[in-house]
């Protein structure tokens, strides 16, 4: 039976697996704990081990990204050549989760 990572539960099970957690750390170390996308654009983004008091855990600065998406290429799930370290901002951009900052939410409101 072929591996599938289509549902949230299937993906969560994969990302919670020991194999993934060990490989994720290996990839971060390989990439020198630096965002590879930022490096391509001449910027530096590293993991600073900051702690979030509100979340009561370490702030996540870097993630390991599947270049070819897990859902569409399950056979590459643990392929080191398909993985790279990226910062959360670059990862969100890659997946279309970009939030505009400094947007005036009242811009189209009636003025009086």
Protein backbone atom coordinates (compact mmCIF):
# COMPACT_ATOMS: atom_id res chain seq x y z
CA UNK A 1 0.00 0.00 0.00
CA UNK A 2 1.38 3.39 -0.99
CA UNK A 3 1.87 6.05 1.65
CA UNK A 4 -0.63 8.88 1.61
CA UNK A 5 -0.51 12.23 3.35
CA UNK A 6 -3.77 13.80 2.23
CA UNK A 7 -5.71 14.25 5.46
CA UNK A 8 -4.73 16.38 8.44
CA UNK A 9 -4.55 13.22 10.56
CA UNK A 10 -2.18 11.49 8.11
CA UNK A 11 0.07 14.54 7.99
CA UNK A 12 0.02 14.98 11.76
CA UNK A 13 0.97 11.32 12.28
CA UNK A 14 3.92 11.78 9.89
CA UNK A 15 5.12 15.05 11.47
CA UNK A 16 4.86 13.50 14.95
CA UNK A 17 6.93 10.46 13.95
CA UNK A 18 10.37 9.84 15.38
CA UNK A 19 11.78 9.35 11.87
CA UNK A 20 10.65 12.85 10.85
CA UNK A 21 11.84 14.51 14.05
CA UNK A 22 15.31 12.96 13.74
CA UNK A 23 15.59 13.86 10.05
CA UNK A 24 14.30 17.40 10.64
CA UNK A 25 17.10 18.02 13.14
CA UNK A 26 19.67 16.51 10.75
CA UNK A 27 18.52 18.84 7.94
CA UNK A 28 18.66 21.94 10.17
CA UNK A 29 22.19 21.00 11.18
CA UNK A 30 23.16 20.34 7.53
CA UNK A 31 21.81 23.79 6.59
CA UNK A 32 23.72 25.39 9.49
CA UNK A 33 20.44 26.46 11.17
CA UNK A 34 19.96 29.12 8.46
CA UNK A 35 17.01 29.84 6.17
CA UNK A 36 18.09 28.69 2.72
CA UNK A 37 15.57 30.93 0.95
CA UNK A 38 16.82 34.03 2.76
CA UNK A 39 20.40 33.02 1.87
CA UNK A 40 19.45 32.87 -1.83
CA UNK A 41 18.38 36.52 -1.53
CA UNK A 42 21.45 37.66 0.40
CA UNK A 43 19.71 37.79 3.79
CA UNK A 44 20.46 35.91 6.98
CA UNK A 45 17.77 34.32 9.11
CA UNK A 46 18.85 32.00 11.91
CA UNK A 47 17.31 30.23 14.88
CA UNK A 48 17.94 32.32 17.99
CA UNK A 49 16.32 29.97 20.57
CA UNK A 50 13.92 32.69 21.75
CA UNK A 51 11.26 31.72 24.26
CA UNK A 52 7.61 32.79 24.05
CA UNK A 53 6.17 33.43 27.51
CA UNK A 54 2.61 33.50 26.18
CA UNK A 55 2.94 30.14 24.41
CA UNK A 56 5.19 28.71 27.16
CA UNK A 57 7.57 27.25 24.60
CA UNK A 58 10.45 28.06 22.30
CA UNK A 59 9.48 30.40 19.45
CA UNK A 60 9.73 28.54 16.18
CA UNK A 61 11.95 30.48 13.78
CA UNK A 62 13.01 27.74 11.38
CA UNK A 63 11.14 24.82 9.85
CA UNK A 64 12.16 22.04 7.50
CA UNK A 65 10.28 22.42 4.23
CA UNK A 66 9.39 19.78 1.66
CA UNK A 67 10.45 21.30 -1.69
CA UNK A 68 8.07 18.94 -3.49
CA UNK A 69 5.01 18.87 -1.25
CA UNK A 70 4.38 15.92 1.03
CA UNK A 71 0.78 15.59 -0.14
CA UNK A 72 1.72 15.28 -3.82
CA UNK A 73 5.04 13.42 -3.47
CA UNK A 74 4.68 11.07 -0.48
CA UNK A 75 7.56 8.95 -1.75
CA UNK A 76 9.89 11.93 -1.11
CA UNK A 77 8.69 12.44 2.49
CA UNK A 78 12.06 11.47 4.01
CA UNK A 79 14.31 12.26 1.03
CA UNK A 80 17.04 14.63 2.23
CA UNK A 81 17.37 16.15 -1.26
CA UNK A 82 13.72 17.24 -1.04
CA UNK A 83 14.15 19.04 2.28
CA UNK A 84 15.54 22.43 3.23
CA UNK A 85 15.57 24.67 6.26
CA UNK A 86 13.52 27.85 5.88
CA UNK A 87 12.32 30.55 8.27
CA UNK A 88 8.66 30.72 9.16
CA UNK A 89 8.17 33.86 7.00
CA UNK A 90 9.59 32.21 3.87
CA UNK A 91 7.63 29.03 4.57
CA UNK A 92 4.39 30.98 4.87
CA UNK A 93 5.12 32.83 1.60
CA UNK A 94 5.84 29.52 -0.13
CA UNK A 95 2.44 28.20 0.94
CA UNK A 96 0.52 31.40 0.22
CA UNK A 97 0.01 32.29 3.87
CA UNK A 98 1.20 35.87 3.65
CA UNK A 99 -0.38 38.43 5.92
CA UNK A 100 -0.13 42.10 5.01
CA UNK A 101 1.30 44.27 7.74
CA UNK A 102 0.40 47.93 8.22
CA UNK A 103 -2.91 47.57 6.43
CA UNK A 104 -5.45 50.25 7.30
CA UNK A 105 -8.54 48.21 8.09
CA UNK A 106 -10.63 51.41 8.14
CA UNK A 107 -9.55 52.60 4.69
CA UNK A 108 -12.87 51.86 2.99
CA UNK A 109 -14.97 52.98 5.93
CA UNK A 110 -17.22 56.00 5.73
CA UNK A 111 -15.57 59.11 7.13
CA UNK A 112 -17.52 61.61 9.21
